[in-house]
Amino acid sequence: MADRAFAEQLVNLTVKEVNELAQILKDEYGIEPAAAAVAVAAGPAAGAPAAEEKTSFDVVLKSAGASKLAVVKLVKELTGLGLKEAKEMVDGAPSVLKEGMAKADAEGLKKQLEEAGAEVELK
């Protein structure tokens, strides 16, 4: 039965050790490990940094589109700015409306702005 120490040993194998283990499994037991499984097992041991999924998004207003007034009102409402500041932000597009938002929140904000006629981008 597998235990924690054995699992720890497997996780900490180097690429060379994984290849040797794969060869032993093939030669002595007739087990052909899938190349993908060997690559996955070797990935962390090789020291290659895992690609991180982006978790923080900036909502960028690219342009107000045809409905500038509606976009200004929505920017005012969403950012808590005064009417003058919201208008300046829309006039100064491209401009960052909100920074460091969660993906779902940023997409919701983008959808609202696009429905009002604005052109929006997530970065």
PDB file of N, CA and C in Angstrom:
ATOM      1  N   MET A   1       0.849  -1.183   0.000  1.00  0.00           N
ATOM      2  CA  MET A   1       0.000   0.000   0.000  1.00  0.00           C
ATOM      3  C   MET A   1       0.892   1.243   0.000  1.00  0.00           C
ATOM      4  N   ALA A   2       0.497   2.233  -0.773  1.00  0.00           N
ATOM      5  CA  ALA A   2       1.262   3.480  -0.883  1.00  0.00           C
ATOM      6  C   ALA A   2       1.101   4.297   0.390  1.00  0.00           C
ATOM      7  N   ASP A   3       2.172   4.954   0.757  1.00  0.00           N
ATOM      8  CA  ASP A   3       2.098   5.835   1.918  1.00  0.00           C
ATOM      9  C   ASP A   3       2.643   7.211   1.557  1.00  0.00           C
ATOM     10  N   ARG A   4       2.577   8.111   2.499  1.00  0.00           N
ATOM     11  CA  ARG A   4       2.981   9.492   2.268  1.00  0.00           C
ATOM     12  C   ARG A   4       4.455   9.603   1.888  1.00  0.00           C
ATOM     13  N   ALA A   5       5.327   8.837   2.523  1.00  0.00           N
ATOM     14  CA  ALA A   5       6.768   8.905   2.236  1.00  0.00           C
ATOM     15  C   ALA A   5       7.043   8.475   0.798  1.00  0.00           C
ATOM     16  N   PHE A   6       6.359   7.434   0.347  1.00  0.00           N
ATOM     17  CA  PHE A   6       6.539   6.955  -1.024  1.00  0.00           C
ATOM     18  C   PHE A   6       6.066   8.013  -2.025  1.00  0.00           C
ATOM     19  N   ALA A   7       4.926   8.606  -1.734  1.00  0.00           N
ATOM     20  CA  ALA A   7       4.396   9.659  -2.613  1.00  0.00           C
ATOM     21  C   ALA A   7       5.367  10.837  -2.663  1.00  0.00           C
ATOM     22  N   GLU A   8       5.955  11.186  -1.523  1.00  0.00           N
ATOM     23  CA  GLU A   8       6.924  12.276  -1.467  1.00  0.00           C
ATOM     24  C   GLU A   8       8.151  11.953  -2.318  1.00  0.00           C
ATOM     25  N   GLN A   9       8.596  10.698  -2.281  1.00  0.00           N
ATOM     26  CA  GLN A   9       9.745  10.288  -3.088  1.00  0.00           C
ATOM     27  C   GLN A   9       9.437  10.432  -4.577  1.00  0.00           C
ATOM     28  N   LEU A  10       8.247  10.029  -4.989  1.00  0.00           N
ATOM     29  CA  LEU A  10       7.867  10.138  -6.399  1.00  0.00           C
ATOM     30  C   LEU A  10       7.816  11.591  -6.854  1.00  0.00           C
ATOM     31  N   VAL A  11       7.260  12.438  -6.030  1.00  0.00           N
ATOM     32  CA  VAL A  11       7.130  13.845  -6.390  1.00  0.00           C
ATOM     33  C   VAL A  11       8.493  14.512  -6.532  1.00  0.00           C
ATOM     34  N   ASN A  12       9.455  14.079  -5.743  1.00  0.00           N
ATOM     35  CA  ASN A  12      10.768  14.717  -5.740  1.00  0.00           C
ATOM     36  C   ASN A  12      11.774  14.090  -6.701  1.00  0.00           C
ATOM     37  N   LEU A  13      11.347  13.205  -7.579  1.00  0.00           N
ATOM     38  CA  LEU A  13      12.258  12.598  -8.549  1.00  0.00           C
ATOM     39  C   LEU A  13      12.755  13.644  -9.552  1.00  0.00           C
ATOM     40  N   THR A  14      14.012  13.485  -9.963  1.00  0.00           N
ATOM     41  CA  THR A  14      14.552  14.348 -11.001  1.00  0.00           C
ATOM     42  C   THR A  14      14.137  13.797 -12.353  1.00  0.00           C
ATOM     43  N   VAL A  15      14.368  14.552 -13.402  1.00  0.00           N
ATOM     44  CA  VAL A  15      14.032  14.107 -14.755  1.00  0.00           C
ATOM     45  C   VAL A  15      14.775  12.813 -15.078  1.00  0.00           C
ATOM     46  N   LYS A  16      16.031  12.759 -14.716  1.00  0.00           N
ATOM     47  CA  LYS A  16      16.838  11.563 -14.980  1.00  0.00           C
ATOM     48  C   LYS A  16      16.253  10.353 -14.248  1.00  0.00           C
ATOM     49  N   GLU A  17      15.873  10.544 -12.989  1.00  0.00           N
ATOM     50  CA  GLU A  17      15.305   9.448 -12.199  1.00  0.00           C
ATOM     51  C   GLU A  17      13.957   8.990 -12.758  1.00  0.00           C
ATOM     52  N   VAL A  18      13.158   9.907 -13.241  1.00  0.00           N
ATOM     53  CA  VAL A  18      11.869   9.547 -13.843  1.00  0.00           C
ATOM     54  C   VAL A  18      12.099   8.701 -15.092  1.00  0.00           C
ATOM     55  N   ASN A  19      13.077   9.110 -15.908  1.00  0.00           N
ATOM     56  CA  ASN A  19      13.397   8.335 -17.117  1.00  0.00           C
ATOM     57  C   ASN A  19      13.892   6.949 -16.764  1.00  0.00           C
ATOM     58  N   GLU A  20      14.738   6.845 -15.719  1.00  0.00           N
ATOM     59  CA  GLU A  20      15.225   5.532 -15.281  1.00  0.00           C
ATOM     60  C   GLU A  20      14.073   4.667 -14.784  1.00  0.00           C
ATOM     61  N   LEU A  21      13.170   5.246 -14.020  1.00  0.00           N
ATOM     62  CA  LEU A  21      12.005   4.514 -13.516  1.00  0.00           C
ATOM     63  C   LEU A  21      11.133   4.034 -14.672  1.00  0.00           C
ATOM     64  N   ALA A  22      10.931   4.884 -15.660  1.00  0.00           N
ATOM     65  CA  ALA A  22      10.137   4.496 -16.822  1.00  0.00           C
ATOM     66  C   ALA A  22      10.787   3.325 -17.547  1.00  0.00           C
ATOM     67  N   GLN A  23      12.112   3.335 -17.663  1.00  0.00           N
ATOM     68  CA  GLN A  23      12.828   2.246 -18.335  1.00  0.00           C
ATOM     69  C   GLN A  23      12.704   0.948 -17.552  1.00  0.00           C
ATOM     70  N   ILE A  24      12.801   1.014 -16.239  1.00  0.00           N
ATOM     71  CA  ILE A  24      12.653  -0.181 -15.394  1.00  0.00           C
ATOM     72  C   ILE A  24      11.248  -0.752 -15.537  1.00  0.00           C
ATOM     73  N   LEU A  25      10.237   0.100 -15.496  1.00  0.00           N
ATOM     74  CA  LEU A  25       8.850  -0.361 -15.640  1.00  0.00           C
ATOM     75  C   LEU A  25       8.646  -1.041 -16.984  1.00  0.00           C
ATOM     76  N   LYS A  26       9.261  -0.503 -18.017  1.00  0.00           N
ATOM     77  CA  LYS A  26       9.129  -1.058 -19.359  1.00  0.00           C
ATOM     78  C   LYS A  26       9.868  -2.387 -19.482  1.00  0.00           C
ATOM     79  N   ASP A  27      11.139  -2.414 -19.050  1.00  0.00           N
ATOM     80  CA  ASP A  27      11.976  -3.600 -19.218  1.00  0.00           C
ATOM     81  C   ASP A  27      11.559  -4.753 -18.320  1.00  0.00           C
ATOM     82  N   GLU A  28      11.336  -4.487 -17.053  1.00  0.00           N
ATOM     83  CA  GLU A  28      11.093  -5.563 -16.091  1.00  0.00           C
ATOM     84  C   GLU A  28       9.632  -5.962 -15.952  1.00  0.00           C
ATOM     85  N   TYR A  29       8.721  -5.021 -16.184  1.00  0.00           N
ATOM     86  CA  TYR A  29       7.314  -5.314 -15.939  1.00  0.00           C
ATOM     87  C   TYR A  29       6.442  -5.202 -17.186  1.00  0.00           C
ATOM     88  N   GLY A  30       7.023  -4.787 -18.299  1.00  0.00           N
ATOM     89  CA  GLY A  30       6.264  -4.670 -19.532  1.00  0.00           C
ATOM     90  C   GLY A  30       5.261  -3.530 -19.514  1.00  0.00           C
ATOM     91  N   ILE A  31       5.454  -2.581 -18.618  1.00  0.00           N
ATOM     92  CA  ILE A  31       4.543  -1.435 -18.523  1.00  0.00           C
ATOM     93  C   ILE A  31       5.150  -0.284 -19.299  1.00  0.00           C
ATOM     94  N   GLU A  32       4.409   0.212 -20.287  1.00  0.00           N
ATOM     95  CA  GLU A  32       4.871   1.337 -21.115  1.00  0.00           C
ATOM     96  C   GLU A  32       4.228   2.614 -20.583  1.00  0.00           C
ATOM     97  N   PRO A  33       4.960   3.391 -19.765  1.00  0.00           N
ATOM     98  CA  PRO A  33       4.364   4.641 -19.258  1.00  0.00           C
ATOM     99  C   PRO A  33       4.109   5.611 -20.400  1.00  0.00           C
ATOM    100  N   ALA A  34       3.005   6.296 -20.337  1.00  0.00           N
ATOM    101  CA  ALA A  34       2.678   7.285 -21.366  1.00  0.00           C
ATOM    102  C   ALA A  34       3.689   8.417 -21.304  1.00  0.00           C
ATOM    103  N   ALA A  35       4.091   8.903 -22.462  1.00  0.00           N
ATOM    104  CA  ALA A  35       5.067   9.987 -22.524  1.00  0.00           C
ATOM    105  C   ALA A  35       4.557  11.222 -21.793  1.00  0.00           C
ATOM    106  N   ALA A  36       3.267  11.459 -21.874  1.00  0.00           N
ATOM    107  CA  ALA A  36       2.697  12.632 -21.208  1.00  0.00           C
ATOM    108  C   ALA A  36       2.828  12.511 -19.694  1.00  0.00           C
ATOM    109  N   ALA A  37       2.609  11.304 -19.158  1.00  0.00           N
ATOM    110  CA  ALA A  37       2.711  11.112 -17.719  1.00  0.00           C
ATOM    111  C   ALA A  37       4.141  11.346 -17.256  1.00  0.00           C
ATOM    112  N   VAL A  38       5.104  10.889 -18.041  1.00  0.00           N
ATOM    113  CA  VAL A  38       6.509  11.109 -17.696  1.00  0.00           C
ATOM    114  C   VAL A  38       6.819  12.596 -17.748  1.00  0.00           C
ATOM    115  N   ALA A  39       6.326  13.293 -18.754  1.00  0.00           N
ATOM    116  CA  ALA A  39       6.586  14.723 -18.892  1.00  0.00           C
ATOM    117  C   ALA A  39       5.948  15.505 -17.751  1.00  0.00           C
ATOM    118  N   VAL A  40       4.740  15.120 -17.365  1.00  0.00           N
ATOM    119  CA  VAL A  40       4.065  15.802 -16.277  1.00  0.00           C
ATOM    120  C   VAL A  40       4.807  15.568 -14.970  1.00  0.00           C
ATOM    121  N   ALA A  41       5.222  14.318 -14.733  1.00  0.00           N
ATOM    122  CA  ALA A  41       5.947  14.009 -13.509  1.00  0.00           C
ATOM    123  C   ALA A  41       7.292  14.722 -13.485  1.00  0.00           C
ATOM    124  N   ALA A  42       7.899  14.889 -14.645  1.00  0.00           N
ATOM    125  CA  ALA A  42       9.211  15.515 -14.712  1.00  0.00           C
ATOM    126  C   ALA A  42       9.117  17.034 -14.649  1.00  0.00           C
ATOM    127  N   GLY A  43       7.990  17.602 -14.973  1.00  0.00           N
ATOM    128  CA  GLY A  43       7.854  19.058 -15.046  1.00  0.00           C
ATOM    129  C   GLY A  43       8.293  19.791 -13.796  1.00  0.00           C
ATOM    130  N   PRO A  44       7.677  19.555 -12.651  1.00  0.00           N
ATOM    131  CA  PRO A  44       8.070  20.281 -11.457  1.00  0.00           C
ATOM    132  C   PRO A  44       9.499  19.962 -11.015  1.00  0.00           C
ATOM    133  N   ALA A  45       9.925  18.717 -11.200  1.00  0.00           N
ATOM    134  CA  ALA A  45      11.266  18.333 -10.772  1.00  0.00           C
ATOM    135  C   ALA A  45      12.333  19.022 -11.614  1.00  0.00           C
ATOM    136  N   ALA A  46      11.995  19.386 -12.834  1.00  0.00           N
ATOM    137  CA  ALA A  46      12.963  20.020 -13.718  1.00  0.00           C
ATOM    138  C   ALA A  46      13.228  21.463 -13.310  1.00  0.00           C
ATOM    139  N   GLY A  47      12.412  21.987 -12.423  1.00  0.00           N
ATOM    140  CA  GLY A  47      12.630  23.351 -11.953  1.00  0.00           C
ATOM    141  C   GLY A  47      11.995  24.400 -12.851  1.00  0.00           C
ATOM    142  N   ALA A  48      11.250  23.992 -13.850  1.00  0.00           N
ATOM    143  CA  ALA A  48      10.583  24.953 -14.725  1.00  0.00           C
ATOM    144  C   ALA A  48       9.401  25.546 -13.982  1.00  0.00           C
ATOM    145  N   PRO A  49       9.285  26.871 -13.954  1.00  0.00           N
ATOM    146  CA  PRO A  49       8.164  27.479 -13.247  1.00  0.00           C
ATOM    147  C   PRO A  49       6.856  27.188 -13.976  1.00  0.00           C
ATOM    148  N   ALA A  50       5.846  26.853 -13.215  1.00  0.00           N
ATOM    149  CA  ALA A  50       4.529  26.586 -13.800  1.00  0.00           C
ATOM    150  C   ALA A  50       3.920  27.911 -14.240  1.00  0.00           C
ATOM    151  N   ALA A  51       3.217  27.885 -15.350  1.00  0.00           N
ATOM    152  CA  ALA A  51       2.564  29.091 -15.846  1.00  0.00           C
ATOM    153  C   ALA A  51       1.435  29.447 -14.880  1.00  0.00           C
ATOM    154  N   GLU A  52       1.437  30.676 -14.420  1.00  0.00           N
ATOM    155  CA  GLU A  52       0.420  31.108 -13.482  1.00  0.00           C
ATOM    156  C   GLU A  52      -0.762  31.699 -14.235  1.00  0.00           C
ATOM    157  N   GLU A  53      -1.949  31.355 -13.775  1.00  0.00           N
ATOM    158  CA  GLU A  53      -3.142  31.925 -14.376  1.00  0.00           C
ATOM    159  C   GLU A  53      -3.340  33.316 -13.810  1.00  0.00           C
ATOM    160  N   LYS A  54      -3.671  34.224 -14.675  1.00  0.00           N
ATOM    161  CA  LYS A  54      -3.843  35.609 -14.253  1.00  0.00           C
ATOM    162  C   LYS A  54      -5.087  35.711 -13.376  1.00  0.00           C
ATOM    163  N   THR A  55      -4.949  36.363 -12.240  1.00  0.00           N
ATOM    164  CA  THR A  55      -6.068  36.485 -11.311  1.00  0.00           C
ATOM    165  C   THR A  55      -6.500  37.927 -11.092  1.00  0.00           C
ATOM    166  N   SER A  56      -5.721  38.868 -11.583  1.00  0.00           N
ATOM    167  CA  SER A  56      -6.018  40.274 -11.380  1.00  0.00           C
ATOM    168  C   SER A  56      -6.126  40.961 -12.739  1.00  0.00           C
ATOM    169  N   PHE A  57      -7.229  41.660 -12.944  1.00  0.00           N
ATOM    170  CA  PHE A  57      -7.488  42.277 -14.246  1.00  0.00           C
ATOM    171  C   PHE A  57      -7.747  43.768 -14.100  1.00  0.00           C
ATOM    172  N   ASP A  58      -7.327  44.517 -15.116  1.00  0.00           N
ATOM    173  CA  ASP A  58      -7.622  45.940 -15.207  1.00  0.00           C
ATOM    174  C   ASP A  58      -8.669  46.137 -16.294  1.00  0.00           C
ATOM    175  N   VAL A  59      -9.669  46.976 -16.027  1.00  0.00           N
ATOM    176  CA  VAL A  59     -10.702  47.273 -17.009  1.00  0.00           C
ATOM    177  C   VAL A  59     -10.314  48.589 -17.679  1.00  0.00           C
ATOM    178  N   VAL A  60     -10.078  48.525 -18.995  1.00  0.00           N
ATOM    179  CA  VAL A  60      -9.616  49.687 -19.751  1.00  0.00           C
ATOM    180  C   VAL A  60     -10.700  50.118 -20.729  1.00  0.00           C
ATOM    181  N   LEU A  61     -11.121  51.369 -20.624  1.00  0.00           N
ATOM    182  CA  LEU A  61     -12.082  51.954 -21.560  1.00  0.00           C
ATOM    183  C   LEU A  61     -11.299  52.414 -22.775  1.00  0.00           C
ATOM    184  N   LYS A  62     -11.551  51.780 -23.928  1.00  0.00           N
ATOM    185  CA  LYS A  62     -10.826  52.138 -25.152  1.00  0.00           C
ATOM    186  C   LYS A  62     -11.492  53.309 -25.857  1.00  0.00           C
ATOM    187  N   SER A  63     -12.837  53.313 -25.895  1.00  0.00           N
ATOM    188  CA  SER A  63     -13.569  54.437 -26.471  1.00  0.00           C
ATOM    189  C   SER A  63     -15.009  54.396 -25.973  1.00  0.00           C
ATOM    190  N   ALA A  64     -15.661  55.559 -26.039  1.00  0.00           N
ATOM    191  CA  ALA A  64     -17.038  55.654 -25.550  1.00  0.00           C
ATOM    192  C   ALA A  64     -18.048  55.135 -26.557  1.00  0.00           C
ATOM    193  N   GLY A  65     -17.654  55.044 -27.810  1.00  0.00           N
ATOM    194  CA  GLY A  65     -18.586  54.588 -28.831  1.00  0.00           C
ATOM    195  C   GLY A  65     -19.600  55.663 -29.169  1.00  0.00           C
ATOM    196  N   ALA A  66     -20.743  55.234 -29.708  1.00  0.00           N
ATOM    197  CA  ALA A  66     -21.761  56.174 -30.176  1.00  0.00           C
ATOM    198  C   ALA A  66     -22.582  56.768 -29.033  1.00  0.00           C
ATOM    199  N   SER A  67     -22.695  56.053 -27.915  1.00  0.00           N
ATOM    200  CA  SER A  67     -23.538  56.504 -26.800  1.00  0.00           C
ATOM    201  C   SER A  67     -22.683  57.090 -25.684  1.00  0.00           C
ATOM    202  N   LYS A  68     -22.012  58.165 -25.975  1.00  0.00           N
ATOM    203  CA  LYS A  68     -21.066  58.755 -25.027  1.00  0.00           C
ATOM    204  C   LYS A  68     -21.737  59.140 -23.703  1.00  0.00           C
ATOM    205  N   LEU A  69     -22.909  59.748 -23.772  1.00  0.00           N
ATOM    206  CA  LEU A  69     -23.595  60.184 -22.558  1.00  0.00           C
ATOM    207  C   LEU A  69     -23.921  58.997 -21.645  1.00  0.00           C
ATOM    208  N   ALA A  70     -24.417  57.915 -22.233  1.00  0.00           N
ATOM    209  CA  ALA A  70     -24.744  56.724 -21.443  1.00  0.00           C
ATOM    210  C   ALA A  70     -23.486  56.143 -20.807  1.00  0.00           C
ATOM    211  N   VAL A  71     -22.388  56.155 -21.538  1.00  0.00           N
ATOM    212  CA  VAL A  71     -21.128  55.626 -21.015  1.00  0.00           C
ATOM    213  C   VAL A  71     -20.614  56.500 -19.878  1.00  0.00           C
ATOM    214  N   VAL A  72     -20.703  57.817 -20.028  1.00  0.00           N
ATOM    215  CA  VAL A  72     -20.258  58.731 -18.963  1.00  0.00           C
ATOM    216  C   VAL A  72     -21.063  58.474 -17.695  1.00  0.00           C
ATOM    217  N   LYS A  73     -22.387  58.342 -17.834  1.00  0.00           N
ATOM    218  CA  LYS A  73     -23.241  58.081 -16.667  1.00  0.00           C
ATOM    219  C   LYS A  73     -22.867  56.759 -16.002  1.00  0.00           C
ATOM    220  N   LEU A  74     -22.615  55.745 -16.800  1.00  0.00           N
ATOM    221  CA  LEU A  74     -22.265  54.439 -16.252  1.00  0.00           C
ATOM    222  C   LEU A  74     -20.890  54.476 -15.575  1.00  0.00           C
ATOM    223  N   VAL A  75     -19.930  55.153 -16.182  1.00  0.00           N
ATOM    224  CA  VAL A  75     -18.593  55.286 -15.579  1.00  0.00           C
ATOM    225  C   VAL A  75     -18.718  56.011 -14.234  1.00  0.00           C
ATOM    226  N   LYS A  76     -19.537  57.045 -14.202  1.00  0.00           N
ATOM    227  CA  LYS A  76     -19.774  57.795 -12.953  1.00  0.00           C
ATOM    228  C   LYS A  76     -20.322  56.867 -11.879  1.00  0.00           C
ATOM    229  N   GLU A  77     -21.307  56.069 -12.259  1.00  0.00           N
ATOM    230  CA  GLU A  77     -21.947  55.151 -11.324  1.00  0.00           C
ATOM    231  C   GLU A  77     -20.984  54.056 -10.851  1.00  0.00           C
ATOM    232  N   LEU A  78     -20.219  53.470 -11.776  1.00  0.00           N
ATOM    233  CA  LEU A  78     -19.356  52.334 -11.450  1.00  0.00           C
ATOM    234  C   LEU A  78     -18.100  52.732 -10.678  1.00  0.00           C
ATOM    235  N   THR A  79     -17.596  53.929 -10.922  1.00  0.00           N
ATOM    236  CA  THR A  79     -16.346  54.340 -10.286  1.00  0.00           C
ATOM    237  C   THR A  79     -16.556  55.214  -9.055  1.00  0.00           C
ATOM    238  N   GLY A  80     -17.746  55.786  -8.927  1.00  0.00           N
ATOM    239  CA  GLY A  80     -18.007  56.672  -7.801  1.00  0.00           C
ATOM    240  C   GLY A  80     -17.442  58.068  -8.012  1.00  0.00           C
ATOM    241  N   LEU A  81     -17.033  58.363  -9.229  1.00  0.00           N
ATOM    242  CA  LEU A  81     -16.496  59.688  -9.551  1.00  0.00           C
ATOM    243  C   LEU A  81     -17.635  60.680  -9.743  1.00  0.00           C
ATOM    244  N   GLY A  82     -17.283  61.950  -9.730  1.00  0.00           N
ATOM    245  CA  GLY A  82     -18.255  62.986 -10.045  1.00  0.00           C
ATOM    246  C   GLY A  82     -18.496  62.998 -11.546  1.00  0.00           C
ATOM    247  N   LEU A  83     -19.513  63.718 -11.972  1.00  0.00           N
ATOM    248  CA  LEU A  83     -19.867  63.770 -13.392  1.00  0.00           C
ATOM    249  C   LEU A  83     -18.715  64.335 -14.230  1.00  0.00           C
ATOM    250  N   LYS A  84     -18.082  65.397 -13.732  1.00  0.00           N
ATOM    251  CA  LYS A  84     -16.987  66.018 -14.472  1.00  0.00           C
ATOM    252  C   LYS A  84     -15.808  65.049 -14.627  1.00  0.00           C
ATOM    253  N   GLU A  85     -15.438  64.370 -13.538  1.00  0.00           N
ATOM    254  CA  GLU A  85     -14.319  63.433 -13.574  1.00  0.00           C
ATOM    255  C   GLU A  85     -14.618  62.242 -14.482  1.00  0.00           C
ATOM    256  N   ALA A  86     -15.858  61.751 -14.425  1.00  0.00           N
ATOM    257  CA  ALA A  86     -16.252  60.632 -15.282  1.00  0.00           C
ATOM    258  C   ALA A  86     -16.185  61.043 -16.753  1.00  0.00           C
ATOM    259  N   LYS A  87     -16.658  62.281 -17.064  1.00  0.00           N
ATOM    260  CA  LYS A  87     -16.607  62.767 -18.442  1.00  0.00           C
ATOM    261  C   LYS A  87     -15.163  62.897 -18.913  1.00  0.00           C
ATOM    262  N   GLU A  88     -14.291  63.423 -18.050  1.00  0.00           N
ATOM    263  CA  GLU A  88     -12.875  63.554 -18.400  1.00  0.00           C
ATOM    264  C   GLU A  88     -12.234  62.192 -18.654  1.00  0.00           C
ATOM    265  N   MET A  89     -12.615  61.212 -17.856  1.00  0.00           N
ATOM    266  CA  MET A  89     -12.071  59.859 -18.030  1.00  0.00           C
ATOM    267  C   MET A  89     -12.518  59.278 -19.372  1.00  0.00           C
ATOM    268  N   VAL A  90     -13.781  59.468 -19.709  1.00  0.00           N
ATOM    269  CA  VAL A  90     -14.306  58.960 -20.982  1.00  0.00           C
ATOM    270  C   VAL A  90     -13.675  59.718 -22.150  1.00  0.00           C
ATOM    271  N   ASP A  91     -13.562  61.025 -22.024  1.00  0.00           N
ATOM    272  CA  ASP A  91     -12.945  61.835 -23.086  1.00  0.00           C
ATOM    273  C   ASP A  91     -11.470  61.489 -23.273  1.00  0.00           C
ATOM    274  N   GLY A  92     -10.807  61.089 -22.202  1.00  0.00           N
ATOM    275  CA  GLY A  92      -9.383  60.777 -22.249  1.00  0.00           C
ATOM    276  C   GLY A  92      -9.081  59.334 -22.612  1.00  0.00           C
ATOM    277  N   ALA A  93     -10.075  58.617 -23.111  1.00  0.00           N
ATOM    278  CA  ALA A  93      -9.881  57.195 -23.443  1.00  0.00           C
ATOM    279  C   ALA A  93      -8.753  57.040 -24.457  1.00  0.00           C
ATOM    280  N   PRO A  94      -7.956  56.025 -24.370  1.00  0.00           N
ATOM    281  CA  PRO A  94      -8.073  54.876 -23.465  1.00  0.00           C
ATOM    282  C   PRO A  94      -7.637  55.233 -22.045  1.00  0.00           C
ATOM    283  N   SER A  95      -8.420  54.761 -21.085  1.00  0.00           N
ATOM    284  CA  SER A  95      -8.095  55.006 -19.685  1.00  0.00           C
ATOM    285  C   SER A  95      -8.520  53.810 -18.838  1.00  0.00           C
ATOM    286  N   VAL A  96      -7.782  53.590 -17.771  1.00  0.00           N
ATOM    287  CA  VAL A  96      -8.065  52.478 -16.858  1.00  0.00           C
ATOM    288  C   VAL A  96      -9.175  52.908 -15.908  1.00  0.00           C
ATOM    289  N   LEU A  97     -10.268  52.152 -15.928  1.00  0.00           N
ATOM    290  CA  LEU A  97     -11.386  52.476 -15.048  1.00  0.00           C
ATOM    291  C   LEU A  97     -11.201  51.856 -13.672  1.00  0.00           C
ATOM    292  N   LYS A  98     -10.842  50.583 -13.651  1.00  0.00           N
ATOM    293  CA  LYS A  98     -10.637  49.870 -12.382  1.00  0.00           C
ATOM    294  C   LYS A  98      -9.430  48.964 -12.541  1.00  0.00           C
ATOM    295  N   GLU A  99      -8.665  48.809 -11.468  1.00  0.00           N
ATOM    296  CA  GLU A  99      -7.471  47.973 -11.486  1.00  0.00           C
ATOM    297  C   GLU A  99      -7.584  46.863 -10.455  1.00  0.00           C
ATOM    298  N   GLY A 100      -6.929  45.744 -10.743  1.00  0.00           N
ATOM    299  CA  GLY A 100      -6.817  44.653  -9.782  1.00  0.00           C
ATOM    300  C   GLY A 100      -8.119  43.954  -9.454  1.00  0.00           C
ATOM    301  N   MET A 101      -8.993  43.831 -10.427  1.00  0.00           N
ATOM    302  CA  MET A 101     -10.291  43.192 -10.185  1.00  0.00           C
ATOM    303  C   MET A 101     -10.215  41.690 -10.427  1.00  0.00           C
ATOM    304  N   ALA A 102     -11.079  40.946  -9.768  1.00  0.00           N
ATOM    305  CA  ALA A 102     -11.214  39.521 -10.029  1.00  0.00           C
ATOM    306  C   ALA A 102     -11.788  39.348 -11.428  1.00  0.00           C
ATOM    307  N   LYS A 103     -11.508  38.209 -12.047  1.00  0.00           N
ATOM    308  CA  LYS A 103     -11.911  37.976 -13.432  1.00  0.00           C
ATOM    309  C   LYS A 103     -13.422  38.127 -13.624  1.00  0.00           C
ATOM    310  N   ALA A 104     -14.205  37.504 -12.755  1.00  0.00           N
ATOM    311  CA  ALA A 104     -15.667  37.550 -12.899  1.00  0.00           C
ATOM    312  C   ALA A 104     -16.181  38.987 -12.773  1.00  0.00           C
ATOM    313  N   ASP A 105     -15.643  39.741 -11.820  1.00  0.00           N
ATOM    314  CA  ASP A 105     -16.068  41.126 -11.625  1.00  0.00           C
ATOM    315  C   ASP A 105     -15.681  41.994 -12.826  1.00  0.00           C
ATOM    316  N   ALA A 106     -14.461  41.775 -13.318  1.00  0.00           N
ATOM    317  CA  ALA A 106     -13.983  42.554 -14.467  1.00  0.00           C
ATOM    318  C   ALA A 106     -14.822  42.261 -15.704  1.00  0.00           C
ATOM    319  N   GLU A 107     -15.169  40.984 -15.908  1.00  0.00           N
ATOM    320  CA  GLU A 107     -15.999  40.629 -17.063  1.00  0.00           C
ATOM    321  C   GLU A 107     -17.398  41.218 -16.937  1.00  0.00           C
ATOM    322  N   GLY A 108     -17.943  41.249 -15.719  1.00  0.00           N
ATOM    323  CA  GLY A 108     -19.257  41.849 -15.491  1.00  0.00           C
ATOM    324  C   GLY A 108     -19.242  43.336 -15.796  1.00  0.00           C
ATOM    325  N   LEU A 109     -18.196  44.010 -15.352  1.00  0.00           N
ATOM    326  CA  LEU A 109     -18.048  45.442 -15.620  1.00  0.00           C
ATOM    327  C   LEU A 109     -17.902  45.697 -17.113  1.00  0.00           C
ATOM    328  N   LYS A 110     -17.117  44.864 -17.760  1.00  0.00           N
ATOM    329  CA  LYS A 110     -16.917  44.992 -19.212  1.00  0.00           C
ATOM    330  C   LYS A 110     -18.254  44.833 -19.942  1.00  0.00           C
ATOM    331  N   LYS A 111     -19.040  43.840 -19.523  1.00  0.00           N
ATOM    332  CA  LYS A 111     -20.325  43.588 -20.170  1.00  0.00           C
ATOM    333  C   LYS A 111     -21.257  44.794 -20.017  1.00  0.00           C
ATOM    334  N   GLN A 112     -21.301  45.369 -18.822  1.00  0.00           N
ATOM    335  CA  GLN A 112     -22.153  46.536 -18.584  1.00  0.00           C
ATOM    336  C   GLN A 112     -21.742  47.697 -19.490  1.00  0.00           C
ATOM    337  N   LEU A 113     -20.453  47.940 -19.566  1.00  0.00           N
ATOM    338  CA  LEU A 113     -19.963  49.054 -20.379  1.00  0.00           C
ATOM    339  C   LEU A 113     -20.225  48.822 -21.864  1.00  0.00           C
ATOM    340  N   GLU A 114     -20.048  47.585 -22.322  1.00  0.00           N
ATOM    341  CA  GLU A 114     -20.306  47.275 -23.732  1.00  0.00           C
ATOM    342  C   GLU A 114     -21.783  47.421 -24.064  1.00  0.00           C
ATOM    343  N   GLU A 115     -22.649  47.061 -23.115  1.00  0.00           N
ATOM    344  CA  GLU A 115     -24.087  47.218 -23.339  1.00  0.00           C
ATOM    345  C   GLU A 115     -24.457  48.701 -23.460  1.00  0.00           C
ATOM    346  N   ALA A 116     -23.685  49.558 -22.786  1.00  0.00           N
ATOM    347  CA  ALA A 116     -23.923  51.002 -22.873  1.00  0.00           C
ATOM    348  C   ALA A 116     -23.323  51.592 -24.148  1.00  0.00           C
ATOM    349  N   GLY A 117     -22.540  50.790 -24.885  1.00  0.00           N
ATOM    350  CA  GLY A 117     -21.988  51.249 -26.151  1.00  0.00           C
ATOM    351  C   GLY A 117     -20.496  51.497 -26.149  1.00  0.00           C
ATOM    352  N   ALA A 118     -19.819  51.248 -25.044  1.00  0.00           N
ATOM    353  CA  ALA A 118     -18.393  51.516 -24.957  1.00  0.00           C
ATOM    354  C   ALA A 118     -17.583  50.356 -25.518  1.00  0.00           C
ATOM    355  N   GLU A 119     -16.344  50.665 -25.883  1.00  0.00           N
ATOM    356  CA  GLU A 119     -15.398  49.645 -26.301  1.00  0.00           C
ATOM    357  C   GLU A 119     -14.445  49.449 -25.132  1.00  0.00           C
ATOM    358  N   VAL A 120     -14.401  48.209 -24.596  1.00  0.00           N
ATOM    359  CA  VAL A 120     -13.679  47.933 -23.354  1.00  0.00           C
ATOM    360  C   VAL A 120     -12.715  46.759 -23.568  1.00  0.00           C
ATOM    361  N   GLU A 121     -11.612  46.789 -22.817  1.00  0.00           N
ATOM    362  CA  GLU A 121     -10.615  45.733 -22.904  1.00  0.00           C
ATOM    363  C   GLU A 121     -10.190  45.348 -21.485  1.00  0.00           C
ATOM    364  N   LEU A 122      -9.941  44.047 -21.280  1.00  0.00           N
ATOM    365  CA  LEU A 122      -9.413  43.573 -20.003  1.00  0.00           C
ATOM    366  C   LEU A 122      -7.924  43.315 -20.173  1.00  0.00           C
ATOM    367  N   LYS A 123      -7.146  43.803 -19.252  1.00  0.00           N
ATOM    368  CA  LYS A 123      -5.693  43.567 -19.283  1.00  0.00           C
ATOM    369  C   LYS A 123      -5.262  42.935 -18.004  1.00  0.00           C
TER     370      LYS A 123
END
